[in-house]
């Protein structure tokens, strides 16, 4: 891990957002170096793949980012690692829609300037798992597509319920929603447990 990464790790352990000028200075130096760097992760929005306290190896810039990739972006003085669900190309450039695998809400749309880089590997203690492989990128794409399909299906079912039963709360709908989310989370854990192959750490 580089000295800059260690400094950011130390700052991040305080549990509060980094001062904006510190974060921008670190990212500027990293970007100019054109190298890959480890970034500490806090929070559990990417469970079960990324846990609080893990580090992710990031290739800086958004070149080569595809649907299903995990990217790091800056938001409110913090660095967040979430999955890209879709990329919308427009006249003002590409817009990225992201969400944590364990989060219930989408993030606000991202511009290319907000993306720090693409996650290549996850480091946990003295082990790591590479994400920049054909198998992992295919799995990420399947996860993104299935998440979007589930969101659309849930929206259709909610609209249908409101047309048939009105806007009042419905216990059956709430139960089905919780059950579907629990099932999706379980499937995600099983698939990642099968695909995930931790290796002895040679990245740091």
Protein backbone atom coordinates (compact mmCIF):
# COMPACT_ATOMS: atom_id res chain seq x y z
CA UNK A 1 0.00 0.00 0.00
CA UNK A 2 1.39 3.43 -0.89
CA UNK A 3 2.16 6.16 1.66
CA UNK A 4 -0.78 8.19 0.33
CA UNK A 5 -3.12 5.24 0.76
CA UNK A 6 -1.89 4.73 4.31
CA UNK A 7 -2.47 8.40 5.06
CA UNK A 8 -6.01 8.20 3.70
CA UNK A 9 -6.59 5.01 5.66
CA UNK A 10 -5.55 6.80 8.85
CA UNK A 11 -7.86 9.72 8.11
CA UNK A 12 -10.73 7.41 7.26
CA UNK A 13 -10.53 5.59 10.60
CA UNK A 14 -11.88 8.72 12.28
CA UNK A 15 -15.29 7.83 10.86
CA UNK A 16 -16.03 11.25 9.40
CA UNK A 17 -15.80 12.54 5.82
CA UNK A 18 -12.40 13.69 4.69
CA UNK A 19 -11.92 17.44 4.26
CA UNK A 20 -12.68 18.24 0.63
CA UNK A 21 -9.29 19.78 -0.09
CA UNK A 22 -7.49 16.73 1.37
CA UNK A 23 -9.53 14.29 -0.69
CA UNK A 24 -9.09 16.29 -3.90
CA UNK A 25 -5.33 16.64 -3.30
CA UNK A 26 -4.89 12.90 -2.79
CA UNK A 27 -6.97 12.06 -5.86
CA UNK A 28 -5.10 14.59 -7.98
CA UNK A 29 -1.73 13.12 -7.02
CA UNK A 30 -3.00 9.61 -7.67
CA UNK A 31 -4.47 10.58 -11.02
CA UNK A 32 -1.25 12.24 -12.15
CA UNK A 33 0.73 9.16 -11.15
CA UNK A 34 -1.48 7.06 -13.43
CA UNK A 35 -1.11 4.04 -11.19
CA UNK A 36 -3.35 1.65 -9.29
CA UNK A 37 -3.90 2.37 -5.61
CA UNK A 38 -5.59 0.80 -2.62
CA UNK A 39 -8.47 2.70 -1.07
CA UNK A 40 -9.97 1.86 2.34
CA UNK A 41 -13.69 1.07 2.46
CA UNK A 42 -16.09 1.85 5.29
CA UNK A 43 -19.68 0.66 5.54
CA UNK A 44 -21.49 -2.49 4.46
CA UNK A 45 -23.48 -1.35 1.42
CA UNK A 46 -21.58 -3.82 -0.80
CA UNK A 47 -22.03 -6.94 1.32
CA UNK A 48 -21.24 -9.76 0.89
CA UNK A 49 -18.49 -8.89 -1.61
CA UNK A 50 -16.92 -5.94 0.22
CA UNK A 51 -16.96 -5.52 3.99
CA UNK A 52 -16.24 -2.63 6.29
CA UNK A 53 -12.46 -2.44 6.72
CA UNK A 54 -11.58 -3.99 3.34
CA UNK A 55 -9.36 -2.21 0.82
CA UNK A 56 -10.05 -2.10 -2.90
CA UNK A 57 -7.46 -1.85 -5.64
CA UNK A 58 -8.57 0.93 -8.01
CA UNK A 59 -7.50 1.72 -11.57
CA UNK A 60 -8.01 5.47 -11.83
CA UNK A 61 -10.32 7.01 -14.42
CA UNK A 62 -13.57 5.76 -15.93
CA UNK A 63 -12.09 4.40 -19.16
CA UNK A 64 -13.19 0.81 -19.65
CA UNK A 65 -15.98 0.94 -17.05
CA UNK A 66 -18.86 -1.31 -18.10
CA UNK A 67 -22.26 -2.24 -16.77
CA UNK A 68 -21.82 -4.45 -13.70
CA UNK A 69 -18.38 -3.15 -12.71
CA UNK A 70 -17.75 -1.90 -9.20
CA UNK A 71 -16.50 1.70 -9.21
CA UNK A 72 -15.30 4.13 -6.57
CA UNK A 73 -16.77 7.63 -6.69
CA UNK A 74 -16.56 10.70 -4.47
CA UNK A 75 -19.64 12.09 -2.81
CA UNK A 76 -19.77 14.55 0.11
CA UNK A 77 -16.12 14.18 1.07
CA UNK A 78 -16.32 10.39 1.06
CA UNK A 79 -15.20 7.66 -1.33
CA UNK A 80 -17.93 5.11 -2.05
CA UNK A 81 -17.64 1.77 -3.86
CA UNK A 82 -20.88 0.69 -5.60
CA UNK A 83 -21.89 -1.32 -8.66
CA UNK A 84 -22.72 0.28 -12.02
CA UNK A 85 -26.25 -0.78 -12.98
CA UNK A 86 -26.41 1.10 -16.28
CA UNK A 87 -24.60 3.73 -18.32
CA UNK A 88 -26.60 6.37 -20.19
CA UNK A 89 -24.87 8.24 -23.00
CA UNK A 90 -26.05 11.78 -23.67
CA UNK A 91 -24.96 15.04 -25.21
CA UNK A 92 -23.29 16.14 -21.97
CA UNK A 93 -21.39 12.86 -21.65
CA UNK A 94 -22.03 9.55 -19.94
CA UNK A 95 -24.16 9.26 -16.82
CA UNK A 96 -23.65 6.30 -14.48
CA UNK A 97 -26.44 4.80 -12.35
CA UNK A 98 -25.03 2.95 -9.33
CA UNK A 99 -26.24 1.09 -6.26
CA UNK A 100 -24.69 -0.90 -3.46
CA UNK A 101 -25.40 -4.64 -3.64
CA UNK A 102 -26.72 -4.49 -0.05
CA UNK A 103 -28.39 -1.08 -0.38
CA UNK A 104 -32.09 -0.59 -1.01
CA UNK A 105 -31.83 2.73 -2.85
CA UNK A 106 -30.12 3.90 -6.03
CA UNK A 107 -27.40 6.52 -5.78
CA UNK A 108 -27.88 9.88 -7.44
CA UNK A 109 -26.71 9.66 -11.08
CA UNK A 110 -22.96 10.16 -11.50
CA UNK A 111 -21.00 12.04 -14.11
CA UNK A 112 -17.68 10.72 -15.38
CA UNK A 113 -15.86 13.42 -13.37
CA UNK A 114 -17.20 12.01 -10.10
CA UNK A 115 -15.82 8.52 -10.73
CA UNK A 116 -12.40 7.89 -9.23
CA UNK A 117 -11.87 4.55 -10.92
CA UNK A 118 -12.80 0.91 -11.40
CA UNK A 119 -12.24 -1.70 -8.68
CA UNK A 120 -9.81 -4.40 -9.80
CA UNK A 121 -9.54 -6.41 -6.59
CA UNK A 122 -10.69 -6.60 -2.99
CA UNK A 123 -8.10 -6.97 -0.24
CA UNK A 124 -9.06 -8.42 3.14
CA UNK A 125 -6.24 -8.95 5.59
CA UNK A 126 -3.58 -11.10 3.94
CA UNK A 127 -5.89 -12.29 1.15
CA UNK A 128 -7.36 -10.78 -1.98
CA UNK A 129 -9.85 -11.65 -4.69
CA UNK A 130 -9.39 -10.29 -8.24
CA UNK A 131 -12.47 -8.75 -9.88
CA UNK A 132 -10.84 -7.90 -13.22
CA UNK A 133 -11.51 -11.31 -14.73
CA UNK A 134 -13.95 -12.46 -17.39
CA UNK A 135 -15.91 -14.54 -14.85
CA UNK A 136 -16.27 -11.71 -12.33
CA UNK A 137 -17.19 -9.11 -14.94
CA UNK A 138 -19.83 -11.47 -16.36
CA UNK A 139 -21.18 -12.06 -12.84
CA UNK A 140 -21.26 -8.31 -12.25
CA UNK A 141 -23.19 -7.79 -15.49
CA UNK A 142 -25.71 -10.47 -14.52
CA UNK A 143 -26.14 -8.86 -11.10
CA UNK A 144 -26.75 -5.44 -12.67
CA UNK A 145 -29.24 -6.78 -15.20
CA UNK A 146 -31.13 -8.85 -12.60
CA UNK A 147 -31.29 -5.88 -10.21
CA UNK A 148 -32.78 -3.66 -12.90
CA UNK A 149 -35.25 -6.39 -13.88
CA UNK A 150 -36.33 -6.84 -10.26
CA UNK A 151 -36.79 -3.07 -9.78
CA UNK A 152 -38.93 -2.90 -12.93
CA UNK A 153 -40.97 -5.96 -11.92
CA UNK A 154 -41.55 -4.55 -8.45
CA UNK A 155 -42.66 -1.23 -9.95
CA UNK A 156 -45.16 -2.99 -12.22
CA UNK A 157 -46.57 -5.04 -9.34
CA UNK A 158 -46.88 -1.94 -7.15
CA UNK A 159 -48.71 -0.04 -9.90
CA UNK A 160 -51.03 -2.99 -10.48
CA UNK A 161 -51.78 -3.25 -6.77
CA UNK A 162 -52.63 0.45 -6.59
CA UNK A 163 -54.98 0.18 -9.57
CA UNK A 164 -56.75 -2.85 -8.11
CA UNK A 165 -56.71 -2.08 -4.38
CA UNK A 166 -56.03 1.63 -4.18
CA UNK A 167 -53.10 3.43 -2.53
CA UNK A 168 -53.66 2.01 0.97
CA UNK A 169 -50.89 -0.14 2.51
CA UNK A 170 -51.12 -3.83 1.77
CA UNK A 171 -49.51 -6.38 4.11
CA UNK A 172 -49.28 -9.01 1.40
CA UNK A 173 -47.38 -6.66 -0.91
CA UNK A 174 -45.00 -5.67 1.88
CA UNK A 175 -44.43 -9.34 2.76
CA UNK A 176 -43.73 -10.25 -0.87
CA UNK A 177 -41.32 -7.33 -1.20
CA UNK A 178 -39.36 -8.35 1.90
CA UNK A 179 -39.34 -11.99 0.81
CA UNK A 180 -38.08 -11.13 -2.68
CA UNK A 181 -35.30 -8.93 -1.28
CA UNK A 182 -34.27 -11.67 1.17
CA UNK A 183 -34.25 -14.27 -1.63
CA UNK A 184 -32.22 -12.00 -3.92
CA UNK A 185 -29.68 -11.41 -1.13
CA UNK A 186 -29.41 -15.15 -0.44
CA UNK A 187 -28.86 -15.98 -4.11
CA UNK A 188 -26.19 -13.27 -4.30
CA UNK A 189 -24.35 -14.71 -1.30
CA UNK A 190 -24.45 -18.25 -2.68
CA UNK A 191 -23.24 -17.22 -6.15
CA UNK A 192 -20.42 -15.11 -4.77
CA UNK A 193 -19.42 -17.87 -2.35
CA UNK A 194 -19.06 -20.24 -5.31
CA UNK A 195 -17.23 -17.79 -7.58
CA UNK A 196 -15.11 -16.03 -4.95
CA UNK A 197 -11.64 -17.52 -4.68
CA UNK A 198 -9.44 -15.76 -2.14
CA UNK A 199 -5.72 -15.87 -2.84
CA UNK A 200 -2.62 -15.16 -0.78
CA UNK A 201 -1.96 -11.45 -0.87
CA UNK A 202 0.71 -10.39 -3.37
CA UNK A 203 -0.88 -7.03 -4.28
CA UNK A 204 0.27 -4.74 -1.46
